[in-house]
Amino acid sequence: MQSDTLLHAANFSTLLLCMVLKFPQIFALMRAKSSAGVSFNSLLLEVLGYIVFVTYQMYYDYPPPTYLEYPILIAQDAILLLLILHYNGSLKQSILYTLLFVGGWRLLTREKWIIDSAMSLCTFISAASKFAQLQCMWKSKDAGQVSALSWAMATFTCIARIYTTTVTTGDMQVLVRFVVMTLLNMWVLLTVLYYQRQRSSSSKKED
């Protein structure tokens, strides 16, 4: 009974947080009218990883509460991508990216071996998205408009998903993915906090 309550709490809290997870990042870009520090390539890879992951879960009829947040995250990432393209003056490219993602999603569901192969690469794709964001900050030595709150919530949701996966499907590929994502999300979060602290210290010295 206690484990059921904890499972429901983990699923509900994850879904609730994911409904607003990217909002701090979206608002940060809109306030600054700039995408500085936010890696476009990181978001593209993240969306690709989300699409593969949710398609795999649906293909094998996993319990919907274990993946309901992903369509919401995909929609929020789409808004972020549009904002970055808009601020970079490349909004027309959004049509091309939309066609590529829709075509890729259709391809995933054609054959069982395709979705299985894609899922085996999903962790690498998602990990690459985190490294792309890290590289963007390392290169500029600044967190820019990257939201620490969004990355903190992402870290929590991955930790919650480690638990829900363990007690529901027990799928090792999915479990490994969440463990890796937790560690990388935490790395990005700490890097953002480090550069924000440096920027704050520099501002105080100038004052």
C-alpha atoms as a PDB file:
ATOM      1  CA  MET A   1       0.000   0.000   0.000  1.00  0.00           C
ATOM      2  CA  GLN A   2       2.795   2.398   0.914  1.00  0.00           C
ATOM      3  CA  SER A   3       4.674   1.571  -2.302  1.00  0.00           C
ATOM      4  CA  ASP A   4       1.511   2.277  -4.345  1.00  0.00           C
ATOM      5  CA  THR A   5       1.133   5.667  -2.664  1.00  0.00           C
ATOM      6  CA  LEU A   6       4.789   6.498  -3.327  1.00  0.00           C
ATOM      7  CA  LEU A   7       4.438   5.398  -6.961  1.00  0.00           C
ATOM      8  CA  HIS A   8       1.372   7.602  -7.479  1.00  0.00           C
ATOM      9  CA  ALA A   9       3.148  10.503  -5.785  1.00  0.00           C
ATOM     10  CA  ALA A  10       6.223  10.070  -8.006  1.00  0.00           C
ATOM     11  CA  ASN A  11       4.105   9.865 -11.172  1.00  0.00           C
ATOM     12  CA  PHE A  12       1.941  12.845 -10.199  1.00  0.00           C
ATOM     13  CA  SER A  13       4.834  15.074  -9.104  1.00  0.00           C
ATOM     14  CA  THR A  14       6.757  14.255 -12.286  1.00  0.00           C
ATOM     15  CA  LEU A  15       3.786  15.066 -14.504  1.00  0.00           C
ATOM     16  CA  LEU A  16       3.036  18.244 -12.562  1.00  0.00           C
ATOM     17  CA  LEU A  17       6.615  19.518 -12.766  1.00  0.00           C
ATOM     18  CA  CYS A  18       6.967  18.617 -16.434  1.00  0.00           C
ATOM     19  CA  MET A  19       3.885  20.679 -17.243  1.00  0.00           C
ATOM     20  CA  VAL A  20       5.884  23.772 -16.267  1.00  0.00           C
ATOM     21  CA  LEU A  21       9.462  22.477 -16.497  1.00  0.00           C
ATOM     22  CA  LYS A  22      10.502  24.619 -19.462  1.00  0.00           C
ATOM     23  CA  PHE A  23       8.488  27.682 -18.467  1.00  0.00           C
ATOM     24  CA  PRO A  24      11.352  29.340 -16.537  1.00  0.00           C
ATOM     25  CA  GLN A  25      13.568  28.891 -19.597  1.00  0.00           C
ATOM     26  CA  ILE A  26      10.897  30.167 -21.979  1.00  0.00           C
ATOM     27  CA  PHE A  27      10.248  33.255 -19.820  1.00  0.00           C
ATOM     28  CA  ALA A  28      13.994  33.909 -19.492  1.00  0.00           C
ATOM     29  CA  LEU A  29      14.367  34.041 -23.283  1.00  0.00           C
ATOM     30  CA  MET A  30      11.284  36.208 -23.718  1.00  0.00           C
ATOM     31  CA  ARG A  31      12.455  38.690 -21.071  1.00  0.00           C
ATOM     32  CA  ALA A  32      15.935  38.981 -22.547  1.00  0.00           C
ATOM     33  CA  LYS A  33      14.763  38.714 -26.179  1.00  0.00           C
ATOM     34  CA  SER A  34      17.937  36.700 -26.650  1.00  0.00           C
ATOM     35  CA  SER A  35      18.872  33.007 -26.742  1.00  0.00           C
ATOM     36  CA  ALA A  36      22.423  33.566 -25.444  1.00  0.00           C
ATOM     37  CA  GLY A  37      23.789  30.512 -23.683  1.00  0.00           C
ATOM     38  CA  VAL A  38      20.946  28.192 -24.738  1.00  0.00           C
ATOM     39  CA  SER A  39      22.195  25.584 -27.200  1.00  0.00           C
ATOM     40  CA  PHE A  40      19.958  25.071 -30.234  1.00  0.00           C
ATOM     41  CA  ASN A  41      21.672  21.749 -31.032  1.00  0.00           C
ATOM     42  CA  SER A  42      21.072  20.581 -27.470  1.00  0.00           C
ATOM     43  CA  LEU A  43      17.337  21.205 -27.809  1.00  0.00           C
ATOM     44  CA  LEU A  44      17.183  19.453 -31.187  1.00  0.00           C
ATOM     45  CA  LEU A  45      18.850  16.354 -29.753  1.00  0.00           C
ATOM     46  CA  GLU A  46      16.650  16.511 -26.671  1.00  0.00           C
ATOM     47  CA  VAL A  47      13.466  16.562 -28.765  1.00  0.00           C
ATOM     48  CA  LEU A  48      14.785  13.656 -30.839  1.00  0.00           C
ATOM     49  CA  GLY A  49      15.488  11.668 -27.670  1.00  0.00           C
ATOM     50  CA  TYR A  50      12.026  12.460 -26.280  1.00  0.00           C
ATOM     51  CA  ILE A  51      10.328  11.355 -29.506  1.00  0.00           C
ATOM     52  CA  VAL A  52      12.216   8.057 -29.576  1.00  0.00           C
ATOM     53  CA  PHE A  53      11.565   7.411 -25.882  1.00  0.00           C
ATOM     54  CA  VAL A  54       7.824   8.107 -25.887  1.00  0.00           C
ATOM     55  CA  THR A  55       7.340   6.159 -29.126  1.00  0.00           C
ATOM     56  CA  TYR A  56       9.128   3.154 -27.601  1.00  0.00           C
ATOM     57  CA  GLN A  57       6.943   3.312 -24.490  1.00  0.00           C
ATOM     58  CA  MET A  58       3.762   3.510 -26.550  1.00  0.00           C
ATOM     59  CA  TYR A  59       4.873   0.777 -28.955  1.00  0.00           C
ATOM     60  CA  TYR A  60       5.258  -1.699 -26.093  1.00  0.00           C
ATOM     61  CA  ASP A  61       2.079  -0.558 -24.304  1.00  0.00           C
ATOM     62  CA  TYR A  62       3.817   0.600 -21.138  1.00  0.00           C
ATOM     63  CA  PRO A  63       1.593   2.240 -18.489  1.00  0.00           C
ATOM     64  CA  PRO A  64       0.710   5.766 -19.715  1.00  0.00           C
ATOM     65  CA  PRO A  65       1.549   7.406 -16.341  1.00  0.00           C
ATOM     66  CA  THR A  66       5.214   6.449 -16.934  1.00  0.00           C
ATOM     67  CA  TYR A  67       5.533   8.627 -20.048  1.00  0.00           C
ATOM     68  CA  LEU A  68       2.647  11.120 -20.137  1.00  0.00           C
ATOM     69  CA  GLU A  69       4.996  14.036 -19.509  1.00  0.00           C
ATOM     70  CA  TYR A  70       6.944  13.555 -22.734  1.00  0.00           C
ATOM     71  CA  PRO A  71       4.370  14.990 -25.183  1.00  0.00           C
ATOM     72  CA  ILE A  72       4.224  18.029 -22.858  1.00  0.00           C
ATOM     73  CA  LEU A  73       8.025  18.346 -22.828  1.00  0.00           C
ATOM     74  CA  ILE A  74       8.171  18.011 -26.615  1.00  0.00           C
ATOM     75  CA  ALA A  75       5.641  20.851 -26.976  1.00  0.00           C
ATOM     76  CA  GLN A  76       7.627  23.079 -24.603  1.00  0.00           C
ATOM     77  CA  ASP A  77      10.894  22.323 -26.394  1.00  0.00           C
ATOM     78  CA  ALA A  78       9.177  23.182 -29.688  1.00  0.00           C
ATOM     79  CA  ILE A  79       8.309  26.615 -28.260  1.00  0.00           C
ATOM     80  CA  LEU A  80      11.928  27.085 -27.160  1.00  0.00           C
ATOM     81  CA  LEU A  81      13.214  26.109 -30.589  1.00  0.00           C
ATOM     82  CA  LEU A  82      10.839  28.577 -32.246  1.00  0.00           C
ATOM     83  CA  LEU A  83      11.971  31.338 -29.889  1.00  0.00           C
ATOM     84  CA  ILE A  84      15.646  30.662 -30.627  1.00  0.00           C
ATOM     85  CA  LEU A  85      15.005  30.629 -34.383  1.00  0.00           C
ATOM     86  CA  HIS A  86      13.002  33.844 -34.031  1.00  0.00           C
ATOM     87  CA  TYR A  87      15.712  35.677 -32.074  1.00  0.00           C
ATOM     88  CA  ASN A  88      18.352  34.387 -34.497  1.00  0.00           C
ATOM     89  CA  GLY A  89      16.308  35.565 -37.506  1.00  0.00           C
ATOM     90  CA  SER A  90      15.894  32.012 -38.860  1.00  0.00           C
ATOM     91  CA  LEU A  91      12.229  31.312 -38.160  1.00  0.00           C
ATOM     92  CA  LYS A  92      11.588  29.989 -41.693  1.00  0.00           C
ATOM     93  CA  GLN A  93      13.805  26.991 -40.917  1.00  0.00           C
ATOM     94  CA  SER A  94      11.159  25.763 -38.470  1.00  0.00           C
ATOM     95  CA  ILE A  95       9.180  24.264 -41.378  1.00  0.00           C
ATOM     96  CA  LEU A  96      12.123  22.082 -42.386  1.00  0.00           C
ATOM     97  CA  TYR A  97      12.721  20.880 -38.818  1.00  0.00           C
ATOM     98  CA  THR A  98       9.007  20.083 -38.407  1.00  0.00           C
ATOM     99  CA  LEU A  99       8.986  17.954 -41.554  1.00  0.00           C
ATOM    100  CA  LEU A 100      12.126  16.101 -40.466  1.00  0.00           C
ATOM    101  CA  PHE A 101      10.785  15.295 -36.996  1.00  0.00           C
ATOM    102  CA  VAL A 102       7.352  14.196 -38.247  1.00  0.00           C
ATOM    103  CA  GLY A 103       8.960  12.039 -40.948  1.00  0.00           C
ATOM    104  CA  GLY A 104      11.374  10.534 -38.418  1.00  0.00           C
ATOM    105  CA  TRP A 105       8.546   9.722 -36.012  1.00  0.00           C
ATOM    106  CA  ARG A 106       6.607   7.948 -38.755  1.00  0.00           C
ATOM    107  CA  LEU A 107       9.689   5.932 -39.658  1.00  0.00           C
ATOM    108  CA  LEU A 108      10.161   4.753 -36.058  1.00  0.00           C
ATOM    109  CA  THR A 109       6.814   2.972 -36.020  1.00  0.00           C
ATOM    110  CA  ARG A 110       7.225   1.117 -39.310  1.00  0.00           C
ATOM    111  CA  GLU A 111       9.161  -1.902 -37.989  1.00  0.00           C
ATOM    112  CA  LYS A 112       9.935  -3.377 -34.564  1.00  0.00           C
ATOM    113  CA  TRP A 113      13.682  -3.500 -35.216  1.00  0.00           C
ATOM    114  CA  ILE A 114      13.695   0.218 -36.054  1.00  0.00           C
ATOM    115  CA  ILE A 115      12.174   1.309 -32.746  1.00  0.00           C
ATOM    116  CA  ASP A 116      14.360  -1.164 -30.809  1.00  0.00           C
ATOM    117  CA  SER A 117      17.505   0.124 -32.521  1.00  0.00           C
ATOM    118  CA  ALA A 118      16.469   3.741 -31.973  1.00  0.00           C
ATOM    119  CA  MET A 119      15.841   3.073 -28.283  1.00  0.00           C
ATOM    120  CA  SER A 120      19.292   1.525 -27.906  1.00  0.00           C
ATOM    121  CA  LEU A 121      20.699   4.836 -29.182  1.00  0.00           C
ATOM    122  CA  CYS A 122      18.279   7.003 -27.194  1.00  0.00           C
ATOM    123  CA  THR A 123      20.537   7.319 -24.156  1.00  0.00           C
ATOM    124  CA  PHE A 124      23.454   8.430 -26.340  1.00  0.00           C
ATOM    125  CA  ILE A 125      21.250  10.960 -28.147  1.00  0.00           C
ATOM    126  CA  SER A 126      19.934  12.410 -24.884  1.00  0.00           C
ATOM    127  CA  ALA A 127      23.435  12.437 -23.366  1.00  0.00           C
ATOM    128  CA  ALA A 128      24.731  14.262 -26.444  1.00  0.00           C
ATOM    129  CA  SER A 129      22.071  16.941 -25.913  1.00  0.00           C
ATOM    130  CA  LYS A 130      23.387  17.604 -22.395  1.00  0.00           C
ATOM    131  CA  PHE A 131      26.991  17.742 -23.589  1.00  0.00           C
ATOM    132  CA  ALA A 132      25.973  20.180 -26.335  1.00  0.00           C
ATOM    133  CA  GLN A 133      24.543  22.494 -23.672  1.00  0.00           C
ATOM    134  CA  LEU A 134      27.624  22.093 -21.504  1.00  0.00           C
ATOM    135  CA  GLN A 135      29.907  22.814 -24.458  1.00  0.00           C
ATOM    136  CA  CYS A 136      27.919  25.949 -25.267  1.00  0.00           C
ATOM    137  CA  MET A 137      28.499  27.294 -21.740  1.00  0.00           C
ATOM    138  CA  TRP A 138      32.139  26.172 -21.570  1.00  0.00           C
ATOM    139  CA  LYS A 139      32.830  27.966 -24.839  1.00  0.00           C
ATOM    140  CA  SER A 140      31.315  31.267 -23.734  1.00  0.00           C
ATOM    141  CA  LYS A 141      32.262  30.830 -20.059  1.00  0.00           C
ATOM    142  CA  ASP A 142      28.793  32.124 -19.256  1.00  0.00           C
ATOM    143  CA  ALA A 143      25.383  30.578 -18.561  1.00  0.00           C
ATOM    144  CA  GLY A 144      23.680  33.346 -20.539  1.00  0.00           C
ATOM    145  CA  GLN A 145      19.886  32.918 -20.352  1.00  0.00           C
ATOM    146  CA  VAL A 146      20.013  29.257 -19.234  1.00  0.00           C
ATOM    147  CA  SER A 147      17.506  28.659 -16.427  1.00  0.00           C
ATOM    148  CA  ALA A 148      18.860  26.864 -13.354  1.00  0.00           C
ATOM    149  CA  LEU A 149      15.296  26.215 -12.167  1.00  0.00           C
ATOM    150  CA  SER A 150      14.410  24.286 -15.333  1.00  0.00           C
ATOM    151  CA  TRP A 151      17.497  22.082 -14.952  1.00  0.00           C
ATOM    152  CA  ALA A 152      16.777  21.527 -11.254  1.00  0.00           C
ATOM    153  CA  MET A 153      13.263  20.326 -12.054  1.00  0.00           C
ATOM    154  CA  ALA A 154      14.607  18.117 -14.845  1.00  0.00           C
ATOM    155  CA  THR A 155      17.007  16.496 -12.371  1.00  0.00           C
ATOM    156  CA  PHE A 156      14.192  15.784  -9.918  1.00  0.00           C
ATOM    157  CA  THR A 157      11.899  14.280 -12.556  1.00  0.00           C
ATOM    158  CA  CYS A 158      14.639  11.912 -13.723  1.00  0.00           C
ATOM    159  CA  ILE A 159      15.220  10.761 -10.133  1.00  0.00           C
ATOM    160  CA  ALA A 160      11.484  10.142  -9.771  1.00  0.00           C
ATOM    161  CA  ARG A 161      11.463   8.168 -13.028  1.00  0.00           C
ATOM    162  CA  ILE A 162      14.269   5.919 -11.768  1.00  0.00           C
ATOM    163  CA  TYR A 163      11.906   4.850  -8.991  1.00  0.00           C
ATOM    164  CA  THR A 164       8.780   4.485 -11.157  1.00  0.00           C
ATOM    165  CA  THR A 165      10.642   2.463 -13.783  1.00  0.00           C
ATOM    166  CA  THR A 166      12.097   0.163 -11.135  1.00  0.00           C
ATOM    167  CA  VAL A 167       8.704  -0.678  -9.605  1.00  0.00           C
ATOM    168  CA  THR A 168       6.665  -0.864 -12.834  1.00  0.00           C
ATOM    169  CA  THR A 169       8.308  -2.055 -16.054  1.00  0.00           C
ATOM    170  CA  GLY A 170      11.829  -2.799 -14.812  1.00  0.00           C
ATOM    171  CA  ASP A 171      13.078  -2.104 -18.353  1.00  0.00           C
ATOM    172  CA  MET A 172      16.875  -1.929 -18.059  1.00  0.00           C
ATOM    173  CA  GLN A 173      17.334   0.300 -21.141  1.00  0.00           C
ATOM    174  CA  VAL A 174      14.881   2.815 -19.719  1.00  0.00           C
ATOM    175  CA  LEU A 175      16.409   2.616 -16.247  1.00  0.00           C
ATOM    176  CA  VAL A 176      19.960   3.166 -17.513  1.00  0.00           C
ATOM    177  CA  ARG A 177      18.746   6.142 -19.511  1.00  0.00           C
ATOM    178  CA  PHE A 178      17.234   7.821 -16.451  1.00  0.00           C
ATOM    179  CA  VAL A 179      20.332   7.192 -14.321  1.00  0.00           C
ATOM    180  CA  VAL A 180      22.571   8.751 -16.986  1.00  0.00           C
ATOM    181  CA  MET A 181      20.163  11.672 -17.500  1.00  0.00           C
ATOM    182  CA  THR A 182      20.042  12.350 -13.752  1.00  0.00           C
ATOM    183  CA  LEU A 183      23.824  12.625 -13.552  1.00  0.00           C
ATOM    184  CA  LEU A 184      24.112  14.799 -16.672  1.00  0.00           C
ATOM    185  CA  ASN A 185      21.212  17.076 -15.685  1.00  0.00           C
ATOM    186  CA  MET A 186      22.908  17.586 -12.327  1.00  0.00           C
ATOM    187  CA  TRP A 187      26.180  18.396 -14.101  1.00  0.00           C
ATOM    188  CA  VAL A 188      24.474  21.021 -16.274  1.00  0.00           C
ATOM    189  CA  LEU A 189      22.690  22.466 -13.232  1.00  0.00           C
ATOM    190  CA  LEU A 190      25.931  22.816 -11.262  1.00  0.00           C
ATOM    191  CA  THR A 191      27.643  24.407 -14.280  1.00  0.00           C
ATOM    192  CA  VAL A 192      24.813  26.942 -14.670  1.00  0.00           C
ATOM    193  CA  LEU A 193      24.973  27.814 -10.969  1.00  0.00           C
ATOM    194  CA  TYR A 194      28.769  28.164 -11.158  1.00  0.00           C
ATOM    195  CA  TYR A 195      28.683  30.620 -14.073  1.00  0.00           C
ATOM    196  CA  GLN A 196      25.750  32.541 -12.582  1.00  0.00           C
ATOM    197  CA  ARG A 197      27.685  32.925  -9.351  1.00  0.00           C
ATOM    198  CA  GLN A 198      30.745  34.129 -11.260  1.00  0.00           C
ATOM    199  CA  ARG A 199      28.651  36.670 -13.156  1.00  0.00           C
ATOM    200  CA  SER A 200      27.059  37.869  -9.921  1.00  0.00           C
ATOM    201  CA  SER A 201      30.486  38.254  -8.285  1.00  0.00           C
ATOM    202  CA  SER A 202      31.784  40.226 -11.285  1.00  0.00           C
ATOM    203  CA  SER A 203      28.773  42.537 -11.180  1.00  0.00           C
ATOM    204  CA  LYS A 204      29.292  43.261  -7.486  1.00  0.00           C
ATOM    205  CA  LYS A 205      32.971  44.055  -8.066  1.00  0.00           C
ATOM    206  CA  GLU A 206      32.083  46.495 -10.858  1.00  0.00           C
ATOM    207  CA  ASP A 207      29.554  48.212  -8.578  1.00  0.00           C
END
